[in-house]
Amino acid sequence: MKKIKKIHQDKSGRKLAELCARVAMDTKAEDLVILDVRGLASFTDFFVIMSGRSTRHVQGLAVVITDELRSKRISGTDCEGLADGEWVLLDFDDVVVHIFYKDSRSFYDLEGLWHDAPRIEPDPAAGEQET
């Protein structure tokens, strides 16, 4: 098993969430939100929530995020919903990425369910200095 690259070993959940957000924004994700659910959820620290314009776009976002993190030797523990492309969930332990087709996002309303969670503005430069 490959080890996580040294530069990424101490990456906080927040930095990982910002990295996922940057990759998603580079791939034209829409309505991207990072929620800090520390203290509100026991299973993760951050949600990264975004929308895709089509099911194919949702699938593409999931693949690009997974590939980018895999290139840094950061692998997720689970990926759900990729075949359908309505709601893809990527679990990276400290960060859970939710990629919705826009109609599904309004139906499930995760931001409403986690309305107590502080929102974090994504840092567009997160991860740019890394190799």
C-alpha atoms as a PDB file:
ATOM      1  CA  MET A   1       0.000   0.000   0.000  1.00  0.00           C
ATOM      2  CA  LYS A   2       1.326   3.413  -0.950  1.00  0.00           C
ATOM      3  CA  LYS A   3       1.765   5.969   1.764  1.00  0.00           C
ATOM      4  CA  ILE A   4       0.255   9.427   1.541  1.00  0.00           C
ATOM      5  CA  LYS A   5       2.789  11.826   0.074  1.00  0.00           C
ATOM      6  CA  LYS A   6       4.651  13.588   2.871  1.00  0.00           C
ATOM      7  CA  ILE A   7       3.388  17.028   1.819  1.00  0.00           C
ATOM      8  CA  HIS A   8      -0.211  15.827   2.366  1.00  0.00           C
ATOM      9  CA  GLN A   9       0.238  13.800   5.580  1.00  0.00           C
ATOM     10  CA  ASP A  10      -0.604  16.655   7.918  1.00  0.00           C
ATOM     11  CA  LYS A  11      -3.346  18.117   5.741  1.00  0.00           C
ATOM     12  CA  SER A  12      -6.239  19.179   7.943  1.00  0.00           C
ATOM     13  CA  GLY A  13      -9.812  18.316   7.090  1.00  0.00           C
ATOM     14  CA  ARG A  14     -10.393  21.942   6.195  1.00  0.00           C
ATOM     15  CA  LYS A  15      -7.475  22.000   3.730  1.00  0.00           C
ATOM     16  CA  LEU A  16      -8.703  18.752   2.207  1.00  0.00           C
ATOM     17  CA  ALA A  17     -12.207  20.230   1.860  1.00  0.00           C
ATOM     18  CA  GLU A  18     -10.728  23.330   0.206  1.00  0.00           C
ATOM     19  CA  LEU A  19      -8.701  21.144  -2.154  1.00  0.00           C
ATOM     20  CA  CYS A  20     -11.852  19.238  -3.157  1.00  0.00           C
ATOM     21  CA  ALA A  21     -13.625  22.570  -3.659  1.00  0.00           C
ATOM     22  CA  ARG A  22     -10.827  23.963  -5.848  1.00  0.00           C
ATOM     23  CA  VAL A  23     -10.816  20.880  -8.064  1.00  0.00           C
ATOM     24  CA  ALA A  24     -14.612  21.056  -8.335  1.00  0.00           C
ATOM     25  CA  MET A  25     -14.579  24.769  -9.198  1.00  0.00           C
ATOM     26  CA  ASP A  26     -11.939  24.095 -11.865  1.00  0.00           C
ATOM     27  CA  THR A  27     -14.374  21.532 -13.297  1.00  0.00           C
ATOM     28  CA  LYS A  28     -17.258  24.049 -13.328  1.00  0.00           C
ATOM     29  CA  ALA A  29     -19.184  22.828 -10.279  1.00  0.00           C
ATOM     30  CA  GLU A  30     -22.125  25.051  -9.440  1.00  0.00           C
ATOM     31  CA  ASP A  31     -23.330  26.461  -6.090  1.00  0.00           C
ATOM     32  CA  LEU A  32     -20.406  25.056  -4.124  1.00  0.00           C
ATOM     33  CA  VAL A  33     -20.668  25.188  -0.326  1.00  0.00           C
ATOM     34  CA  ILE A  34     -18.357  23.934   2.420  1.00  0.00           C
ATOM     35  CA  LEU A  35     -20.046  23.215   5.749  1.00  0.00           C
ATOM     36  CA  ASP A  36     -18.087  22.795   8.978  1.00  0.00           C
ATOM     37  CA  VAL A  37     -19.970  20.031  10.789  1.00  0.00           C
ATOM     38  CA  ARG A  38     -17.398  19.480  13.542  1.00  0.00           C
ATOM     39  CA  GLY A  39     -19.293  19.098  16.778  1.00  0.00           C
ATOM     40  CA  LEU A  40     -22.545  18.488  14.869  1.00  0.00           C
ATOM     41  CA  ALA A  41     -21.700  15.168  13.217  1.00  0.00           C
ATOM     42  CA  SER A  42     -19.654  12.305  14.602  1.00  0.00           C
ATOM     43  CA  PHE A  43     -18.778  10.756  11.234  1.00  0.00           C
ATOM     44  CA  THR A  44     -16.998  13.648   9.493  1.00  0.00           C
ATOM     45  CA  ASP A  45     -15.732  17.197   9.972  1.00  0.00           C
ATOM     46  CA  PHE A  46     -16.663  18.878   6.687  1.00  0.00           C
ATOM     47  CA  PHE A  47     -19.228  18.576   3.913  1.00  0.00           C
ATOM     48  CA  VAL A  48     -18.407  19.854   0.452  1.00  0.00           C
ATOM     49  CA  ILE A  49     -21.696  20.240  -1.414  1.00  0.00           C
ATOM     50  CA  MET A  50     -22.037  21.147  -5.077  1.00  0.00           C
ATOM     51  CA  SER A  51     -24.280  20.764  -8.102  1.00  0.00           C
ATOM     52  CA  GLY A  52     -23.676  19.553 -11.616  1.00  0.00           C
ATOM     53  CA  ARG A  53     -25.569  20.638 -14.719  1.00  0.00           C
ATOM     54  CA  SER A  54     -26.348  17.070 -15.811  1.00  0.00           C
ATOM     55  CA  THR A  55     -25.895  13.529 -14.557  1.00  0.00           C
ATOM     56  CA  ARG A  56     -22.830  13.241 -16.794  1.00  0.00           C
ATOM     57  CA  HIS A  57     -21.378  16.422 -15.246  1.00  0.00           C
ATOM     58  CA  VAL A  58     -22.047  15.028 -11.742  1.00  0.00           C
ATOM     59  CA  GLN A  59     -20.198  11.828 -12.665  1.00  0.00           C
ATOM     60  CA  GLY A  60     -17.343  13.812 -14.193  1.00  0.00           C
ATOM     61  CA  LEU A  61     -16.955  15.945 -11.064  1.00  0.00           C
ATOM     62  CA  ALA A  62     -16.769  12.812  -8.915  1.00  0.00           C
ATOM     63  CA  VAL A  63     -14.130  11.223 -11.135  1.00  0.00           C
ATOM     64  CA  VAL A  64     -11.980  14.367 -11.296  1.00  0.00           C
ATOM     65  CA  ILE A  65     -12.070  14.904  -7.513  1.00  0.00           C
ATOM     66  CA  THR A  66     -11.283  11.243  -6.831  1.00  0.00           C
ATOM     67  CA  ASP A  67      -8.457  11.202  -9.387  1.00  0.00           C
ATOM     68  CA  GLU A  68      -6.910  14.408  -8.023  1.00  0.00           C
ATOM     69  CA  LEU A  69      -6.896  13.115  -4.466  1.00  0.00           C
ATOM     70  CA  ARG A  70      -5.682   9.700  -5.571  1.00  0.00           C
ATOM     71  CA  SER A  71      -2.737  11.420  -7.333  1.00  0.00           C
ATOM     72  CA  LYS A  72      -1.840  12.790  -3.897  1.00  0.00           C
ATOM     73  CA  ARG A  73      -2.251   9.283  -2.447  1.00  0.00           C
ATOM     74  CA  ILE A  74      -5.375  10.284  -0.563  1.00  0.00           C
ATOM     75  CA  SER A  75      -8.043   7.692  -1.138  1.00  0.00           C
ATOM     76  CA  GLY A  76     -11.647   7.735  -0.109  1.00  0.00           C
ATOM     77  CA  THR A  77     -13.262   4.998   1.870  1.00  0.00           C
ATOM     78  CA  ASP A  78     -16.447   4.960  -0.176  1.00  0.00           C
ATOM     79  CA  CYS A  79     -18.118   6.232  -3.352  1.00  0.00           C
ATOM     80  CA  GLU A  80     -21.874   5.932  -3.740  1.00  0.00           C
ATOM     81  CA  GLY A  81     -24.228   6.849  -6.583  1.00  0.00           C
ATOM     82  CA  LEU A  82     -21.702   7.173  -9.402  1.00  0.00           C
ATOM     83  CA  ALA A  83     -23.662   4.958 -11.807  1.00  0.00           C
ATOM     84  CA  ASP A  84     -26.851   7.049 -11.568  1.00  0.00           C
ATOM     85  CA  GLY A  85     -25.281  10.504 -11.344  1.00  0.00           C
ATOM     86  CA  GLU A  86     -28.175  12.008  -9.374  1.00  0.00           C
ATOM     87  CA  TRP A  87     -26.317  12.221  -6.045  1.00  0.00           C
ATOM     88  CA  VAL A  88     -22.729  11.051  -5.707  1.00  0.00           C
ATOM     89  CA  LEU A  89     -21.203  10.789  -2.257  1.00  0.00           C
ATOM     90  CA  LEU A  90     -17.416  10.607  -1.831  1.00  0.00           C
ATOM     91  CA  ASP A  91     -16.204   9.766   1.668  1.00  0.00           C
ATOM     92  CA  PHE A  92     -12.674  10.893   2.563  1.00  0.00           C
ATOM     93  CA  ASP A  93     -13.184  10.386   6.336  1.00  0.00           C
ATOM     94  CA  ASP A  94     -12.705  13.993   7.537  1.00  0.00           C
ATOM     95  CA  VAL A  95     -14.460  15.285   4.420  1.00  0.00           C
ATOM     96  CA  VAL A  96     -17.610  14.007   2.739  1.00  0.00           C
ATOM     97  CA  VAL A  97     -18.246  15.372  -0.759  1.00  0.00           C
ATOM     98  CA  HIS A  98     -21.847  15.508  -2.007  1.00  0.00           C
ATOM     99  CA  ILE A  99     -22.297  16.089  -5.739  1.00  0.00           C
ATOM    100  CA  PHE A 100     -25.906  16.568  -6.767  1.00  0.00           C
ATOM    101  CA  TYR A 101     -27.784  16.903  -9.994  1.00  0.00           C
ATOM    102  CA  LYS A 102     -29.466  20.254  -9.356  1.00  0.00           C
ATOM    103  CA  ASP A 103     -33.037  18.905  -8.993  1.00  0.00           C
ATOM    104  CA  SER A 104     -31.932  16.264  -6.479  1.00  0.00           C
ATOM    105  CA  ARG A 105     -30.066  18.842  -4.417  1.00  0.00           C
ATOM    106  CA  SER A 106     -33.158  20.943  -3.770  1.00  0.00           C
ATOM    107  CA  PHE A 107     -35.147  17.824  -2.870  1.00  0.00           C
ATOM    108  CA  TYR A 108     -32.664  16.575  -0.230  1.00  0.00           C
ATOM    109  CA  ASP A 109     -31.762  20.088   1.030  1.00  0.00           C
ATOM    110  CA  LEU A 110     -28.628  19.172   2.992  1.00  0.00           C
ATOM    111  CA  GLU A 111     -27.905  22.833   3.674  1.00  0.00           C
ATOM    112  CA  GLY A 112     -31.302  23.080   5.366  1.00  0.00           C
ATOM    113  CA  LEU A 113     -30.741  19.912   7.385  1.00  0.00           C
ATOM    114  CA  TRP A 114     -27.341  21.192   8.547  1.00  0.00           C
ATOM    115  CA  HIS A 115     -28.373  24.850   8.883  1.00  0.00           C
ATOM    116  CA  ASP A 116     -26.445  25.168  12.183  1.00  0.00           C
ATOM    117  CA  ALA A 117     -23.151  24.344  10.466  1.00  0.00           C
ATOM    118  CA  PRO A 118     -20.924  27.333   9.691  1.00  0.00           C
ATOM    119  CA  ARG A 119     -20.246  27.927   6.002  1.00  0.00           C
ATOM    120  CA  ILE A 120     -16.667  28.284   4.837  1.00  0.00           C
ATOM    121  CA  GLU A 121     -15.715  30.268   1.776  1.00  0.00           C
ATOM    122  CA  PRO A 122     -13.523  28.073  -0.420  1.00  0.00           C
ATOM    123  CA  ASP A 123      -9.955  29.280  -0.890  1.00  0.00           C
ATOM    124  CA  PRO A 124      -9.399  29.345  -4.683  1.00  0.00           C
ATOM    125  CA  ALA A 125      -5.644  28.921  -4.148  1.00  0.00           C
ATOM    126  CA  ALA A 126      -5.936  25.840  -1.917  1.00  0.00           C
ATOM    127  CA  GLY A 127      -3.556  23.174  -3.091  1.00  0.00           C
ATOM    128  CA  GLU A 128      -2.024  25.138  -5.971  1.00  0.00           C
ATOM    129  CA  GLN A 129       1.509  25.061  -4.538  1.00  0.00           C
ATOM    130  CA  GLU A 130       1.451  21.285  -4.118  1.00  0.00           C
ATOM    131  CA  THR A 131       3.070  18.742  -6.403  1.00  0.00           C
END
